Structures are given as structure tokens and as C-alpha cells.
PDB file of all heavy atoms in Angstrom:
ATOM      1  N   GLN A   1     -10.943 -57.534   0.446  1.00  0.00           N
ATOM      2  CA  GLN A   1     -10.605 -56.476  -0.515  1.00  0.00           C
ATOM      3  C   GLN A   1     -11.142 -55.126  -0.045  1.00  0.00           C
ATOM      4  O   GLN A   1     -10.454 -54.101  -0.137  1.00  0.00           O
ATOM      5  CB  GLN A   1     -11.182 -56.828  -1.880  1.00  0.00           C
ATOM      6  CG  GLN A   1     -10.696 -55.936  -3.013  1.00  0.00           C
ATOM      7  CD  GLN A   1      -9.365 -56.381  -3.585  1.00  0.00           C
ATOM      8  OE1 GLN A   1      -8.575 -57.016  -2.888  1.00  0.00           O
ATOM      9  NE2 GLN A   1      -9.101 -56.041  -4.821  1.00  0.00           N
ATOM     10  N   LEU A   2     -12.340 -55.115   0.477  1.00  0.00           N
ATOM     11  CA  LEU A   2     -12.921 -53.868   0.980  1.00  0.00           C
ATOM     12  C   LEU A   2     -12.157 -53.346   2.184  1.00  0.00           C
ATOM     13  O   LEU A   2     -11.997 -52.137   2.351  1.00  0.00           O
ATOM     14  CB  LEU A   2     -14.391 -54.083   1.337  1.00  0.00           C
ATOM     15  CG  LEU A   2     -15.321 -54.433   0.176  1.00  0.00           C
ATOM     16  CD1 LEU A   2     -16.732 -54.654   0.687  1.00  0.00           C
ATOM     17  CD2 LEU A   2     -15.314 -53.341  -0.895  1.00  0.00           C
ATOM     18  N   ASP A   3     -11.673 -54.258   3.013  1.00  0.00           N
ATOM     19  CA  ASP A   3     -10.868 -53.845   4.167  1.00  0.00           C
ATOM     20  C   ASP A   3      -9.579 -53.173   3.711  1.00  0.00           C
ATOM     21  O   ASP A   3      -9.088 -52.236   4.366  1.00  0.00           O
ATOM     22  CB  ASP A   3     -10.551 -55.045   5.052  1.00  0.00           C
ATOM     23  CG  ASP A   3     -11.774 -55.586   5.783  1.00  0.00           C
ATOM     24  OD1 ASP A   3     -12.781 -54.847   5.872  1.00  0.00           O
ATOM     25  OD2 ASP A   3     -11.716 -56.735   6.256  1.00  0.00           O
ATOM     26  N   MET A   4      -9.035 -53.626   2.589  1.00  0.00           N
ATOM     27  CA  MET A   4      -7.813 -53.001   2.052  1.00  0.00           C
ATOM     28  C   MET A   4      -8.105 -51.586   1.578  1.00  0.00           C
ATOM     29  O   MET A   4      -7.300 -50.671   1.775  1.00  0.00           O
ATOM     30  CB  MET A   4      -7.255 -53.857   0.917  1.00  0.00           C
ATOM     31  CG  MET A   4      -6.739 -55.216   1.362  1.00  0.00           C
ATOM     32  SD  MET A   4      -6.251 -56.281  -0.028  1.00  0.00           S
ATOM     33  CE  MET A   4      -4.824 -55.396  -0.647  1.00  0.00           C
ATOM     34  N   VAL A   5      -9.271 -51.404   0.950  1.00  0.00           N
ATOM     35  CA  VAL A   5      -9.673 -50.051   0.535  1.00  0.00           C
ATOM     36  C   VAL A   5      -9.787 -49.145   1.754  1.00  0.00           C
ATOM     37  O   VAL A   5      -9.267 -48.016   1.770  1.00  0.00           O
ATOM     38  CB  VAL A   5     -11.017 -50.088  -0.219  1.00  0.00           C
ATOM     39  CG1 VAL A   5     -11.530 -48.662  -0.465  1.00  0.00           C
ATOM     40  CG2 VAL A   5     -10.881 -50.838  -1.532  1.00  0.00           C
ATOM     41  N   ALA A   6     -10.474 -49.635   2.782  1.00  0.00           N
ATOM     42  CA  ALA A   6     -10.666 -48.838   3.993  1.00  0.00           C
ATOM     43  C   ALA A   6      -9.337 -48.526   4.663  1.00  0.00           C
ATOM     44  O   ALA A   6      -9.151 -47.442   5.218  1.00  0.00           O
ATOM     45  CB  ALA A   6     -11.588 -49.578   4.955  1.00  0.00           C
ATOM     46  N   SER A   7      -8.405 -49.458   4.599  1.00  0.00           N
ATOM     47  CA  SER A   7      -7.095 -49.235   5.213  1.00  0.00           C
ATOM     48  C   SER A   7      -6.326 -48.129   4.486  1.00  0.00           C
ATOM     49  O   SER A   7      -5.685 -47.286   5.116  1.00  0.00           O
ATOM     50  CB  SER A   7      -6.286 -50.540   5.186  1.00  0.00           C
ATOM     51  OG  SER A   7      -4.986 -50.335   5.695  1.00  0.00           O
ATOM     52  N   ILE A   8      -6.407 -48.118   3.158  1.00  0.00           N
ATOM     53  CA  ILE A   8      -5.743 -47.062   2.391  1.00  0.00           C
ATOM     54  C   ILE A   8      -6.411 -45.716   2.641  1.00  0.00           C
ATOM     55  O   ILE A   8      -5.742 -44.691   2.821  1.00  0.00           O
ATOM     56  CB  ILE A   8      -5.764 -47.401   0.890  1.00  0.00           C
ATOM     57  CG1 ILE A   8      -4.902 -48.629   0.610  1.00  0.00           C
ATOM     58  CG2 ILE A   8      -5.291 -46.208   0.054  1.00  0.00           C
ATOM     59  CD1 ILE A   8      -5.032 -49.161  -0.799  1.00  0.00           C
ATOM     60  N   ALA A   9      -7.746 -45.717   2.661  1.00  0.00           N
ATOM     61  CA  ALA A   9      -8.463 -44.470   2.936  1.00  0.00           C
ATOM     62  C   ALA A   9      -8.119 -43.943   4.308  1.00  0.00           C
ATOM     63  O   ALA A   9      -7.987 -42.726   4.516  1.00  0.00           O
ATOM     64  CB  ALA A   9      -9.974 -44.702   2.814  1.00  0.00           C
ATOM     65  N   GLY A  10      -7.958 -44.852   5.277  1.00  0.00           N
ATOM     66  CA  GLY A  10      -7.547 -44.463   6.621  1.00  0.00           C
ATOM     67  C   GLY A  10      -8.614 -43.689   7.365  1.00  0.00           C
ATOM     68  O   GLY A  10      -9.767 -43.598   6.951  1.00  0.00           O
ATOM     69  N   THR A  11      -8.193 -43.125   8.444  1.00  0.00           N
ATOM     70  CA  THR A  11      -9.117 -42.384   9.303  1.00  0.00           C
ATOM     71  C   THR A  11      -8.996 -40.880   9.112  1.00  0.00           C
ATOM     72  O   THR A  11      -9.718 -40.118   9.744  1.00  0.00           O
ATOM     73  CB  THR A  11      -8.852 -42.722  10.776  1.00  0.00           C
ATOM     74  OG1 THR A  11      -7.480 -42.425  11.082  1.00  0.00           O
ATOM     75  CG2 THR A  11      -9.107 -44.199  11.052  1.00  0.00           C
ATOM     76  N   LYS A  12      -8.071 -40.431   8.258  1.00  0.00           N
ATOM     77  CA  LYS A  12      -7.950 -38.991   8.039  1.00  0.00           C
ATOM     78  C   LYS A  12      -8.972 -38.546   7.012  1.00  0.00           C
ATOM     79  O   LYS A  12      -9.904 -39.278   6.681  1.00  0.00           O
ATOM     80  CB  LYS A  12      -6.535 -38.622   7.624  1.00  0.00           C
ATOM     81  CG  LYS A  12      -6.068 -39.177   6.297  1.00  0.00           C
ATOM     82  CD  LYS A  12      -4.669 -38.644   6.003  1.00  0.00           C
ATOM     83  CE  LYS A  12      -4.205 -38.984   4.600  1.00  0.00           C
ATOM     84  NZ  LYS A  12      -2.895 -38.383   4.282  1.00  0.00           N
ATOM     85  N   ASP A  13      -8.825 -37.353   6.499  1.00  0.00           N
ATOM     86  CA  ASP A  13      -9.820 -36.803   5.587  1.00  0.00           C
ATOM     87  C   ASP A  13     -10.016 -37.708   4.372  1.00  0.00           C
ATOM     88  O   ASP A  13      -9.069 -38.339   3.888  1.00  0.00           O
ATOM     89  CB  ASP A  13      -9.396 -35.416   5.111  1.00  0.00           C
ATOM     90  CG  ASP A  13      -9.453 -34.387   6.222  1.00  0.00           C
ATOM     91  OD1 ASP A  13     -10.203 -34.618   7.185  1.00  0.00           O
ATOM     92  OD2 ASP A  13      -8.760 -33.369   6.119  1.00  0.00           O
ATOM     93  N   PRO A  14     -11.237 -37.780   3.832  1.00  0.00           N
ATOM     94  CA  PRO A  14     -11.466 -38.523   2.588  1.00  0.00           C
ATOM     95  C   PRO A  14     -10.578 -38.005   1.473  1.00  0.00           C
ATOM     96  O   PRO A  14     -10.040 -36.883   1.537  1.00  0.00           O
ATOM     97  CB  PRO A  14     -12.946 -38.264   2.307  1.00  0.00           C
ATOM     98  CG  PRO A  14     -13.543 -37.986   3.650  1.00  0.00           C
ATOM     99  CD  PRO A  14     -12.484 -37.241   4.401  1.00  0.00           C
ATOM    100  N   ILE A  15     -10.429 -38.804   0.429  1.00  0.00           N
ATOM    101  CA  ILE A  15      -9.450 -38.463  -0.605  1.00  0.00           C
ATOM    102  C   ILE A  15      -9.924 -37.326  -1.515  1.00  0.00           C
ATOM    103  O   ILE A  15      -9.126 -36.782  -2.268  1.00  0.00           O
ATOM    104  CB  ILE A  15      -9.063 -39.692  -1.444  1.00  0.00           C
ATOM    105  CG1 ILE A  15     -10.249 -40.231  -2.224  1.00  0.00           C
ATOM    106  CG2 ILE A  15      -8.483 -40.774  -0.560  1.00  0.00           C
ATOM    107  CD1 ILE A  15      -9.889 -41.407  -3.119  1.00  0.00           C
ATOM    108  N   LEU A  16     -11.202 -36.966  -1.459  1.00  0.00           N
ATOM    109  CA  LEU A  16     -11.701 -35.813  -2.216  1.00  0.00           C
ATOM    110  C   LEU A  16     -12.081 -34.692  -1.262  1.00  0.00           C
ATOM    111  O   LEU A  16     -12.585 -34.943  -0.171  1.00  0.00           O
ATOM    112  CB  LEU A  16     -12.938 -36.188  -3.041  1.00  0.00           C
ATOM    113  CG  LEU A  16     -12.828 -37.302  -4.064  1.00  0.00           C
ATOM    114  CD1 LEU A  16     -14.146 -37.427  -4.831  1.00  0.00           C
ATOM    115  CD2 LEU A  16     -11.677 -37.085  -5.024  1.00  0.00           C
ATOM    116  N   SER A  17     -11.844 -33.471  -1.675  1.00  0.00           N
ATOM    117  CA  SER A  17     -12.292 -32.317  -0.888  1.00  0.00           C
ATOM    118  C   SER A  17     -12.569 -31.152  -1.834  1.00  0.00           C
ATOM    119  O   SER A  17     -11.956 -31.043  -2.894  1.00  0.00           O
ATOM    120  CB  SER A  17     -11.249 -31.908   0.160  1.00  0.00           C
ATOM    121  OG  SER A  17     -10.004 -31.602  -0.447  1.00  0.00           O
ATOM    122  N   ILE A  18     -13.521 -30.316  -1.446  1.00  0.00           N
ATOM    123  CA  ILE A  18     -13.810 -29.081  -2.183  1.00  0.00           C
ATOM    124  C   ILE A  18     -13.430 -27.912  -1.289  1.00  0.00           C
ATOM    125  O   ILE A  18     -13.914 -27.792  -0.167  1.00  0.00           O
ATOM    126  CB  ILE A  18     -15.293 -28.987  -2.577  1.00  0.00           C
ATOM    127  CG1 ILE A  18     -15.648 -30.077  -3.581  1.00  0.00           C
ATOM    128  CG2 ILE A  18     -15.604 -27.614  -3.177  1.00  0.00           C
ATOM    129  CD1 ILE A  18     -17.104 -30.082  -3.990  1.00  0.00           C
ATOM    130  N   HIS A  19     -12.548 -27.068  -1.799  1.00  0.00           N
ATOM    131  CA  HIS A  19     -12.135 -25.878  -1.062  1.00  0.00           C
ATOM    132  C   HIS A  19     -12.932 -24.686  -1.572  1.00  0.00           C
ATOM    133  O   HIS A  19     -12.709 -24.222  -2.704  1.00  0.00           O
ATOM    134  CB  HIS A  19     -10.636 -25.618  -1.252  1.00  0.00           C
ATOM    135  CG  HIS A  19      -9.761 -26.692  -0.684  1.00  0.00           C
ATOM    136  ND1 HIS A  19      -9.129 -26.576   0.533  1.00  0.00           N
ATOM    137  CD2 HIS A  19      -9.434 -27.913  -1.159  1.00  0.00           C
ATOM    138  CE1 HIS A  19      -8.435 -27.665   0.778  1.00  0.00           C
ATOM    139  NE2 HIS A  19      -8.604 -28.499  -0.237  1.00  0.00           N
ATOM    140  N   PRO A  20     -13.874 -24.175  -0.784  1.00  0.00           N
ATOM    141  CA  PRO A  20     -14.654 -23.008  -1.223  1.00  0.00           C
ATOM    142  C   PRO A  20     -13.752 -21.779  -1.402  1.00  0.00           C
ATOM    143  O   PRO A  20     -12.711 -21.659  -0.746  1.00  0.00           O
ATOM    144  CB  PRO A  20     -15.646 -22.795  -0.069  1.00  0.00           C
ATOM    145  CG  PRO A  20     -15.697 -24.102   0.648  1.00  0.00           C
ATOM    146  CD  PRO A  20     -14.319 -24.679   0.522  1.00  0.00           C
ATOM    147  N   PHE A  21     -14.161 -20.894  -2.281  1.00  0.00           N
ATOM    148  CA  PHE A  21     -13.374 -19.675  -2.503  1.00  0.00           C
ATOM    149  C   PHE A  21     -13.483 -18.761  -1.290  1.00  0.00           C
ATOM    150  O   PHE A  21     -14.568 -18.507  -0.778  1.00  0.00           O
ATOM    151  CB  PHE A  21     -13.857 -18.962  -3.764  1.00  0.00           C
ATOM    152  CG  PHE A  21     -13.652 -19.776  -5.016  1.00  0.00           C
ATOM    153  CD1 PHE A  21     -14.733 -20.200  -5.771  1.00  0.00           C
ATOM    154  CD2 PHE A  21     -12.379 -20.125  -5.418  1.00  0.00           C
ATOM    155  CE1 PHE A  21     -14.548 -20.959  -6.915  1.00  0.00           C
ATOM    156  CE2 PHE A  21     -12.172 -20.887  -6.556  1.00  0.00           C
ATOM    157  CZ  PHE A  21     -13.261 -21.308  -7.302  1.00  0.00           C
ATOM    158  N   LYS A  22     -12.326 -18.268  -0.833  1.00  0.00           N
ATOM    159  CA  LYS A  22     -12.250 -17.456   0.382  1.00  0.00           C
ATOM    160  C   LYS A  22     -11.870 -16.005   0.101  1.00  0.00           C
ATOM    161  O   LYS A  22     -12.348 -15.085   0.763  1.00  0.00           O
ATOM    162  CB  LYS A  22     -11.230 -18.060   1.353  1.00  0.00           C
ATOM    163  CG  LYS A  22     -11.584 -19.451   1.861  1.00  0.00           C
ATOM    164  CD  LYS A  22     -10.501 -19.966   2.801  1.00  0.00           C
ATOM    165  CE  LYS A  22     -10.859 -21.341   3.372  1.00  0.00           C
ATOM    166  NZ  LYS A  22      -9.787 -21.848   4.272  1.00  0.00           N
ATOM    167  N   VAL A  23     -10.960 -15.807  -0.840  1.00  0.00           N
ATOM    168  CA  VAL A  23     -10.451 -14.456  -1.113  1.00  0.00           C
ATOM    169  C   VAL A  23     -11.547 -13.622  -1.768  1.00  0.00           C
ATOM    170  O   VAL A  23     -12.167 -14.039  -2.746  1.00  0.00           O
ATOM    171  CB  VAL A  23      -9.206 -14.514  -2.014  1.00  0.00           C
ATOM    172  CG1 VAL A  23      -8.777 -13.113  -2.433  1.00  0.00           C
ATOM    173  CG2 VAL A  23      -8.068 -15.230  -1.287  1.00  0.00           C
ATOM    174  N   LYS A  24     -11.791 -12.452  -1.208  1.00  0.00           N
ATOM    175  CA  LYS A  24     -12.851 -11.575  -1.712  1.00  0.00           C
ATOM    176  C   LYS A  24     -12.330 -10.257  -2.268  1.00  0.00           C
ATOM    177  O   LYS A  24     -13.065  -9.529  -2.922  1.00  0.00           O
ATOM    178  CB  LYS A  24     -13.863 -11.284  -0.596  1.00  0.00           C
ATOM    179  CG  LYS A  24     -14.541 -12.519  -0.026  1.00  0.00           C
ATOM    180  CD  LYS A  24     -15.328 -13.268  -1.088  1.00  0.00           C
ATOM    181  CE  LYS A  24     -16.021 -14.487  -0.507  1.00  0.00           C
ATOM    182  NZ  LYS A  24     -16.717 -15.271  -1.566  1.00  0.00           N
ATOM    183  N   ASP A  25     -11.063  -9.924  -1.976  1.00  0.00           N
ATOM    184  CA  ASP A  25     -10.554  -8.623  -2.423  1.00  0.00           C
ATOM    185  C   ASP A  25      -9.083  -8.724  -2.765  1.00  0.00           C
ATOM    186  O   ASP A  25      -8.391  -9.665  -2.348  1.00  0.00           O
ATOM    187  CB  ASP A  25     -10.762  -7.567  -1.339  1.00  0.00           C
ATOM    188  CG  ASP A  25     -10.055  -7.924  -0.047  1.00  0.00           C
ATOM    189  OD1 ASP A  25      -8.866  -7.597   0.087  1.00  0.00           O
ATOM    190  OD2 ASP A  25     -10.680  -8.562   0.833  1.00  0.00           O
ATOM    191  N   CYS A  26      -8.602  -7.742  -3.522  1.00  0.00           N
ATOM    192  CA  CYS A  26      -7.222  -7.764  -4.005  1.00  0.00           C
ATOM    193  C   CYS A  26      -6.735  -6.335  -4.219  1.00  0.00           C
ATOM    194  O   CYS A  26      -7.511  -5.445  -4.583  1.00  0.00           O
ATOM    195  CB  CYS A  26      -7.157  -8.551  -5.320  1.00  0.00           C
ATOM    196  SG  CYS A  26      -5.550  -8.512  -6.156  1.00  0.00           S
ATOM    197  N   THR A  27      -5.432  -6.133  -3.987  1.00  0.00           N
ATOM    198  CA  THR A  27      -4.771  -4.884  -4.354  1.00  0.00           C
ATOM    199  C   THR A  27      -3.822  -5.169  -5.503  1.00  0.00           C
ATOM    200  O   THR A  27      -3.045  -6.126  -5.454  1.00  0.00           O
ATOM    201  CB  THR A  27      -3.983  -4.297  -3.170  1.00  0.00           C
ATOM    202  OG1 THR A  27      -4.893  -3.939  -2.124  1.00  0.00           O
ATOM    203  CG2 THR A  27      -3.209  -3.059  -3.599  1.00  0.00           C
ATOM    204  N   ILE A  28      -3.901  -4.358  -6.562  1.00  0.00           N
ATOM    205  CA  ILE A  28      -3.034  -4.511  -7.728  1.00  0.00           C
ATOM    206  C   ILE A  28      -1.999  -3.397  -7.723  1.00  0.00           C
ATOM    207  O   ILE A  28      -2.346  -2.216  -7.648  1.00  0.00           O
ATOM    208  CB  ILE A  28      -3.837  -4.479  -9.038  1.00  0.00           C
ATOM    209  CG1 ILE A  28      -4.852  -5.626  -9.068  1.00  0.00           C
ATOM    210  CG2 ILE A  28      -2.907  -4.568 -10.241  1.00  0.00           C
ATOM    211  CD1 ILE A  28      -5.748  -5.605 -10.291  1.00  0.00           C
ATOM    212  N   LEU A  29      -0.731  -3.788  -7.794  1.00  0.00           N
ATOM    213  CA  LEU A  29       0.370  -2.828  -7.889  1.00  0.00           C
ATOM    214  C   LEU A  29       0.914  -2.877  -9.307  1.00  0.00           C
ATOM    215  O   LEU A  29       1.390  -3.922  -9.762  1.00  0.00           O
ATOM    216  CB  LEU A  29       1.472  -3.173  -6.881  1.00  0.00           C
ATOM    217  CG  LEU A  29       1.032  -3.360  -5.428  1.00  0.00           C
ATOM    218  CD1 LEU A  29       2.233  -3.663  -4.542  1.00  0.00           C
ATOM    219  CD2 LEU A  29       0.283  -2.133  -4.922  1.00  0.00           C
ATOM    220  N   VAL A  30       0.825  -1.762 -10.011  1.00  0.00           N
ATOM    221  CA  VAL A  30       1.276  -1.687 -11.401  1.00  0.00           C
ATOM    222  C   VAL A  30       2.664  -1.072 -11.422  1.00  0.00           C
ATOM    223  O   VAL A  30       2.848   0.107 -11.094  1.00  0.00           O
ATOM    224  CB  VAL A  30       0.311  -0.846 -12.253  1.00  0.00           C
ATOM    225  CG1 VAL A  30       0.769  -0.824 -13.702  1.00  0.00           C
ATOM    226  CG2 VAL A  30      -1.099  -1.400 -12.148  1.00  0.00           C
ATOM    227  N   THR A  31       3.668  -1.864 -11.797  1.00  0.00           N
ATOM    228  CA  THR A  31       5.027  -1.355 -11.872  1.00  0.00           C
ATOM    229  C   THR A  31       5.272  -0.735 -13.244  1.00  0.00           C
ATOM    230  O   THR A  31       4.425  -0.807 -14.136  1.00  0.00           O
ATOM    231  CB  THR A  31       6.041  -2.491 -11.615  1.00  0.00           C
ATOM    232  OG1 THR A  31       5.929  -3.470 -12.654  1.00  0.00           O
ATOM    233  CG2 THR A  31       5.766  -3.152 -10.274  1.00  0.00           C
ATOM    234  N   GLY A  32       6.434  -0.132 -13.390  1.00  0.00           N
ATOM    235  CA  GLY A  32       6.802   0.474 -14.666  1.00  0.00           C
ATOM    236  C   GLY A  32       6.732   1.985 -14.606  1.00  0.00           C
ATOM    237  O   GLY A  32       5.652   2.556 -14.442  1.00  0.00           O
ATOM    238  N   ASN A  33       7.885   2.652 -14.746  1.00  0.00           N
ATOM    239  CA  ASN A  33       7.906   4.116 -14.737  1.00  0.00           C
ATOM    240  C   ASN A  33       7.109   4.702 -15.901  1.00  0.00           C
ATOM    241  O   ASN A  33       6.499   5.762 -15.784  1.00  0.00           O
ATOM    242  CB  ASN A  33       9.353   4.612 -14.821  1.00  0.00           C
ATOM    243  CG  ASN A  33      10.115   4.366 -13.527  1.00  0.00           C
ATOM    244  OD1 ASN A  33       9.513   4.274 -12.452  1.00  0.00           O
ATOM    245  ND2 ASN A  33      11.438   4.244 -13.630  1.00  0.00           N
ATOM    246  N   GLU A  34       7.097   3.977 -17.016  1.00  0.00           N
ATOM    247  CA  GLU A  34       6.390   4.475 -18.202  1.00  0.00           C
ATOM    248  C   GLU A  34       4.881   4.563 -17.957  1.00  0.00           C
ATOM    249  O   GLU A  34       4.206   5.438 -18.499  1.00  0.00           O
ATOM    250  CB  GLU A  34       6.699   3.590 -19.418  1.00  0.00           C
ATOM    251  CG  GLU A  34       6.154   2.176 -19.359  1.00  0.00           C
ATOM    252  CD  GLU A  34       7.009   1.206 -18.554  1.00  0.00           C
ATOM    253  OE1 GLU A  34       7.884   1.666 -17.788  1.00  0.00           O
ATOM    254  OE2 GLU A  34       6.790  -0.010 -18.680  1.00  0.00           O
ATOM    255  N   VAL A  35       4.380   3.660 -17.107  1.00  0.00           N
ATOM    256  CA  VAL A  35       2.952   3.706 -16.755  1.00  0.00           C
ATOM    257  C   VAL A  35       2.707   4.798 -15.726  1.00  0.00           C
ATOM    258  O   VAL A  35       1.764   5.589 -15.839  1.00  0.00           O
ATOM    259  CB  VAL A  35       2.477   2.347 -16.208  1.00  0.00           C
ATOM    260  CG1 VAL A  35       1.010   2.425 -15.771  1.00  0.00           C
ATOM    261  CG2 VAL A  35       2.654   1.252 -17.246  1.00  0.00           C
ATOM    262  N   GLN A  36       3.577   4.881 -14.722  1.00  0.00           N
ATOM    263  CA  GLN A  36       3.423   5.879 -13.668  1.00  0.00           C
ATOM    264  C   GLN A  36       3.480   7.303 -14.222  1.00  0.00           C
ATOM    265  O   GLN A  36       2.744   8.194 -13.766  1.00  0.00           O
ATOM    266  CB  GLN A  36       4.512   5.683 -12.613  1.00  0.00           C
ATOM    267  CG  GLN A  36       4.347   6.575 -11.384  1.00  0.00           C
ATOM    268  CD  GLN A  36       5.509   6.408 -10.425  1.00  0.00           C
ATOM    269  OE1 GLN A  36       6.668   6.395 -10.837  1.00  0.00           O
ATOM    270  NE2 GLN A  36       5.199   6.280  -9.137  1.00  0.00           N
ATOM    271  N   LYS A  37       4.321   7.497 -15.236  1.00  0.00           N
ATOM    272  CA  LYS A  37       4.475   8.825 -15.825  1.00  0.00           C
ATOM    273  C   LYS A  37       3.442   9.123 -16.911  1.00  0.00           C
ATOM    274  O   LYS A  37       3.431  10.217 -17.494  1.00  0.00           O
ATOM    275  CB  LYS A  37       5.876   8.965 -16.420  1.00  0.00           C
ATOM    276  CG  LYS A  37       6.983   8.937 -15.368  1.00  0.00           C
ATOM    277  CD  LYS A  37       8.364   9.004 -16.013  1.00  0.00           C
ATOM    278  CE  LYS A  37       9.467   8.959 -14.950  1.00  0.00           C
ATOM    279  NZ  LYS A  37      10.821   8.994 -15.569  1.00  0.00           N
ATOM    280  N   GLY A  38       2.584   8.150 -17.193  1.00  0.00           N
ATOM    281  CA  GLY A  38       1.540   8.368 -18.180  1.00  0.00           C
ATOM    282  C   GLY A  38       2.008   8.277 -19.611  1.00  0.00           C
ATOM    283  O   GLY A  38       1.295   8.722 -20.529  1.00  0.00           O
ATOM    284  N   LEU A  39       3.197   7.725 -19.836  1.00  0.00           N
ATOM    285  CA  LEU A  39       3.702   7.606 -21.200  1.00  0.00           C
ATOM    286  C   LEU A  39       2.946   6.537 -21.987  1.00  0.00           C
ATOM    287  O   LEU A  39       2.818   6.637 -23.208  1.00  0.00           O
ATOM    288  CB  LEU A  39       5.205   7.285 -21.175  1.00  0.00           C
ATOM    289  CG  LEU A  39       6.086   8.319 -20.469  1.00  0.00           C
ATOM    290  CD1 LEU A  39       7.534   7.847 -20.445  1.00  0.00           C
ATOM    291  CD2 LEU A  39       5.972   9.664 -21.186  1.00  0.00           C
ATOM    292  N   ILE A  40       2.484   5.500 -21.276  1.00  0.00           N
ATOM    293  CA  ILE A  40       1.655   4.478 -21.905  1.00  0.00           C
ATOM    294  C   ILE A  40       0.472   4.187 -20.990  1.00  0.00           C
ATOM    295  O   ILE A  40       0.515   4.444 -19.782  1.00  0.00           O
ATOM    296  CB  ILE A  40       2.428   3.176 -22.193  1.00  0.00           C
ATOM    297  CG1 ILE A  40       2.875   2.506 -20.880  1.00  0.00           C
ATOM    298  CG2 ILE A  40       3.606   3.418 -23.108  1.00  0.00           C
ATOM    299  CD1 ILE A  40       3.420   1.103 -21.087  1.00  0.00           C
ATOM    300  N   GLU A  41      -0.558   3.638 -21.569  1.00  0.00           N
ATOM    301  CA  GLU A  41      -1.751   3.321 -20.790  1.00  0.00           C
ATOM    302  C   GLU A  41      -1.562   2.013 -20.033  1.00  0.00           C
ATOM    303  O   GLU A  41      -0.919   1.076 -20.514  1.00  0.00           O
ATOM    304  CB  GLU A  41      -2.954   3.200 -21.732  1.00  0.00           C
ATOM    305  CG  GLU A  41      -4.264   2.883 -21.038  1.00  0.00           C
ATOM    306  CD  GLU A  41      -5.389   2.658 -22.018  1.00  0.00           C
ATOM    307  OE1 GLU A  41      -5.149   2.802 -23.242  1.00  0.00           O
ATOM    308  OE2 GLU A  41      -6.513   2.320 -21.576  1.00  0.00           O
ATOM    309  N   ASP A  42      -2.111   1.955 -18.849  1.00  0.00           N
ATOM    310  CA  ASP A  42      -2.096   0.708 -18.064  1.00  0.00           C
ATOM    311  C   ASP A  42      -3.178  -0.226 -18.597  1.00  0.00           C
ATOM    312  O   ASP A  42      -4.369  -0.011 -18.373  1.00  0.00           O
ATOM    313  CB  ASP A  42      -2.344   1.010 -16.585  1.00  0.00           C
ATOM    314  CG  ASP A  42      -2.619  -0.261 -15.788  1.00  0.00           C
ATOM    315  OD1 ASP A  42      -2.094  -1.329 -16.176  1.00  0.00           O
ATOM    316  OD2 ASP A  42      -3.374  -0.177 -14.795  1.00  0.00           O
ATOM    317  N   THR A  43      -2.760  -1.238 -19.324  1.00  0.00           N
ATOM    318  CA  THR A  43      -3.717  -2.237 -19.819  1.00  0.00           C
ATOM    319  C   THR A  43      -3.623  -3.547 -19.041  1.00  0.00           C
ATOM    320  O   THR A  43      -4.443  -4.441 -19.243  1.00  0.00           O
ATOM    321  CB  THR A  43      -3.473  -2.530 -21.308  1.00  0.00           C
ATOM    322  OG1 THR A  43      -2.118  -2.966 -21.489  1.00  0.00           O
ATOM    323  CG2 THR A  43      -3.711  -1.277 -22.150  1.00  0.00           C
ATOM    324  N   PHE A  44      -2.616  -3.639 -18.178  1.00  0.00           N
ATOM    325  CA  PHE A  44      -2.372  -4.866 -17.434  1.00  0.00           C
ATOM    326  C   PHE A  44      -3.421  -5.082 -16.345  1.00  0.00           C
ATOM    327  O   PHE A  44      -3.987  -6.165 -16.198  1.00  0.00           O
ATOM    328  CB  PHE A  44      -0.973  -4.818 -16.812  1.00  0.00           C
ATOM    329  CG  PHE A  44      -0.338  -6.168 -16.594  1.00  0.00           C
ATOM    330  CD1 PHE A  44       1.041  -6.319 -16.690  1.00  0.00           C
ATOM    331  CD2 PHE A  44      -1.100  -7.287 -16.279  1.00  0.00           C
ATOM    332  CE1 PHE A  44       1.645  -7.553 -16.481  1.00  0.00           C
ATOM    333  CE2 PHE A  44      -0.507  -8.534 -16.078  1.00  0.00           C
ATOM    334  CZ  PHE A  44       0.865  -8.656 -16.181  1.00  0.00           C
ATOM    335  N   SER A  45      -3.678  -4.041 -15.553  1.00  0.00           N
ATOM    336  CA  SER A  45      -4.551  -4.213 -14.392  1.00  0.00           C
ATOM    337  C   SER A  45      -5.962  -4.620 -14.808  1.00  0.00           C
ATOM    338  O   SER A  45      -6.623  -5.394 -14.104  1.00  0.00           O
ATOM    339  CB  SER A  45      -4.595  -2.940 -13.553  1.00  0.00           C
ATOM    340  OG  SER A  45      -5.068  -1.842 -14.297  1.00  0.00           O
ATOM    341  N   LYS A  46      -6.436  -4.150 -15.969  1.00  0.00           N
ATOM    342  CA  LYS A  46      -7.787  -4.521 -16.432  1.00  0.00           C
ATOM    343  C   LYS A  46      -7.878  -6.022 -16.691  1.00  0.00           C
ATOM    344  O   LYS A  46      -8.901  -6.660 -16.380  1.00  0.00           O
ATOM    345  CB  LYS A  46      -8.122  -3.750 -17.702  1.00  0.00           C
ATOM    346  CG  LYS A  46      -9.512  -4.064 -18.279  1.00  0.00           C
ATOM    347  CD  LYS A  46     -10.628  -3.682 -17.314  1.00  0.00           C
ATOM    348  CE  LYS A  46     -12.002  -3.695 -17.997  1.00  0.00           C
ATOM    349  NZ  LYS A  46     -12.377  -5.004 -18.558  1.00  0.00           N
ATOM    350  N   VAL A  47      -6.816  -6.597 -17.246  1.00  0.00           N
ATOM    351  CA  VAL A  47      -6.801  -8.036 -17.504  1.00  0.00           C
ATOM    352  C   VAL A  47      -6.926  -8.795 -16.189  1.00  0.00           C
ATOM    353  O   VAL A  47      -7.703  -9.756 -16.064  1.00  0.00           O
ATOM    354  CB  VAL A  47      -5.513  -8.450 -18.242  1.00  0.00           C
ATOM    355  CG1 VAL A  47      -5.407  -9.972 -18.337  1.00  0.00           C
ATOM    356  CG2 VAL A  47      -5.468  -7.827 -19.633  1.00  0.00           C
TER     357      VAL A  47
END
């Protein structure tokens, strides 16, 4: 039975993995002419 477990697990990566966070920065593009022209406040980018 244990050999069957090992066979399913195989020789590739274990079935669990933790992916550390990599992205450290972002650019936000706010669309909408009404925002660009100052007709309404940009509340989207803050969220």
C-alpha cells in the first residue's frame, strides 16, 4: 500500500508547495474621461 502511495507521488515535485510572494510594485491606470477631466473623484485606485 505504501508503494502505491509513493508511485502516485512519483519523483516530481511533492503534491504541496508554497509560492512566496514575488510582486513588489504595481502601476495603476485609471480609465474614464470623467475622472481625467476632474468631473468626479478617483475612488477606484485607493481601493
